[in-house]
Protein backbone atom coordinates (compact mmCIF):
# COMPACT_ATOMS: atom_id res chain seq x y z
CA MET A 1 1.68 -23.82 24.49
CA LYS A 2 3.09 -25.38 21.35
CA LYS A 3 6.73 -25.03 20.37
CA GLU A 4 7.33 -22.42 17.73
CA LYS A 5 8.90 -23.51 14.45
CA LYS A 6 12.03 -21.78 13.22
CA ILE A 7 11.41 -19.19 10.48
CA PRO A 8 13.45 -20.16 7.42
CA ARG A 9 15.90 -17.80 5.74
CA PHE A 10 14.68 -16.38 2.47
CA LYS A 11 16.67 -15.44 -0.63
CA ASN A 12 14.42 -12.47 -1.38
CA GLU A 13 11.08 -10.85 -0.57
CA GLU A 14 9.25 -12.80 -3.27
CA GLU A 15 10.31 -16.11 -1.72
CA GLU A 16 9.25 -14.88 1.73
CA ARG A 17 5.91 -13.63 0.39
CA LYS A 18 5.16 -17.05 -1.15
CA PHE A 19 6.07 -18.76 2.12
CA TRP A 20 3.73 -16.66 4.28
CA VAL A 21 0.84 -17.06 1.85
CA SER A 22 0.91 -20.80 2.45
CA HIS A 23 1.98 -20.96 6.13
CA ASP A 24 0.25 -19.91 9.35
CA SER A 25 2.39 -17.37 11.22
CA THR A 26 1.06 -18.57 14.60
CA ASN A 27 3.18 -21.71 14.14
CA TYR A 28 6.28 -19.51 13.93
CA ILE A 29 5.56 -16.47 16.12
CA ASN A 30 4.07 -16.13 19.60
CA TRP A 31 1.77 -13.18 18.91
CA SER A 32 0.81 -12.88 22.59
CA LYS A 33 4.26 -11.33 23.17
CA ALA A 34 3.80 -8.82 20.36
CA ARG A 35 3.73 -5.09 21.05
CA ARG A 36 2.02 -2.45 18.97
CA VAL A 37 4.46 0.00 17.37
CA LYS A 38 4.09 3.15 15.31
CA PHE A 39 6.22 4.28 12.40
CA PRO A 40 5.33 7.97 12.06
CA GLU A 41 8.00 8.69 9.44
CA LEU A 42 7.22 5.66 7.27
CA LYS A 43 5.95 6.57 3.83
CA PRO A 44 4.22 4.12 1.50
CA SER A 45 6.27 2.86 -1.41
CA GLU A 46 5.66 4.84 -4.54
CA LYS A 47 6.49 4.13 -8.13
CA ALA A 48 6.61 6.78 -10.82
CA ILE A 49 4.51 6.04 -13.88
CA SER A 50 3.85 7.81 -17.13
CA ILE A 51 0.26 8.29 -18.23
CA ARG A 52 -1.12 10.06 -21.28
CA MET A 53 -4.07 12.31 -20.58
CA PRO A 54 -5.93 14.83 -22.70
CA GLN A 55 -4.58 18.35 -22.17
CA PHE A 56 -8.02 19.71 -21.20
CA LEU A 57 -8.29 17.11 -18.42
CA ILE A 58 -4.91 18.09 -17.00
CA GLU A 59 -5.90 21.77 -17.09
CA GLU A 60 -9.20 21.07 -15.30
CA LEU A 61 -7.38 18.97 -12.74
CA LYS A 62 -4.96 21.86 -12.14
CA ILE A 63 -7.89 24.25 -11.63
CA LEU A 64 -9.46 21.91 -9.07
CA SER A 65 -6.16 21.37 -7.29
CA ASN A 66 -5.48 25.11 -7.09
CA LYS A 67 -8.86 25.61 -5.42
CA ARG A 68 -7.87 22.98 -2.85
CA GLY A 69 -4.34 24.32 -2.44
CA MET A 70 -2.60 21.11 -3.36
CA PRO A 71 -0.47 19.80 -6.26
CA TYR A 72 -2.51 18.36 -9.12
CA GLN A 73 -0.61 15.04 -8.97
CA SER A 74 -1.67 14.64 -5.34
CA LEU A 75 -5.28 15.37 -6.24
CA LEU A 76 -5.12 12.84 -9.06
CA LYS A 77 -3.79 10.19 -6.65
CA GLU A 78 -6.59 11.03 -4.23
CA PHE A 79 -9.22 10.68 -6.97
CA LEU A 80 -7.74 7.38 -8.16
CA ALA A 81 -7.57 5.96 -4.62
CA GLU A 82 -11.21 6.87 -3.96
CA ARG A 83 -12.37 5.26 -7.21
CA VAL A 84 -10.34 2.09 -6.71
CA GLU A 85 -11.76 1.75 -3.19
CA LYS A 86 -15.29 2.22 -4.54
CA GLU A 87 -14.80 -0.34 -7.30
CA LEU A 88 -13.35 -2.91 -4.91
CA ALA A 89 -16.22 -2.40 -2.47
CA ALA A 90 -18.73 -3.01 -5.28
CA ARG A 91 -17.41 -6.51 -5.97
């Protein structure tokens, strides 16, 4: 088994992200000792944005969301996620 290299200290997440893009983690971490963990309370990072939409589209979205018993913003996120996944799969 090879000797693991020491993980450098990073000034910020961006610096760390750049490091791991260009370095193989197996040189720094013995993954055979890793354990699977669950974070049931962890929520994905969200960022609020402002988007202009035609009023009729918002109203129709609200009608659809009411039928599903969910907030219209949640339904919009669901629709966007499905479409983005579809577009990425089509590449």
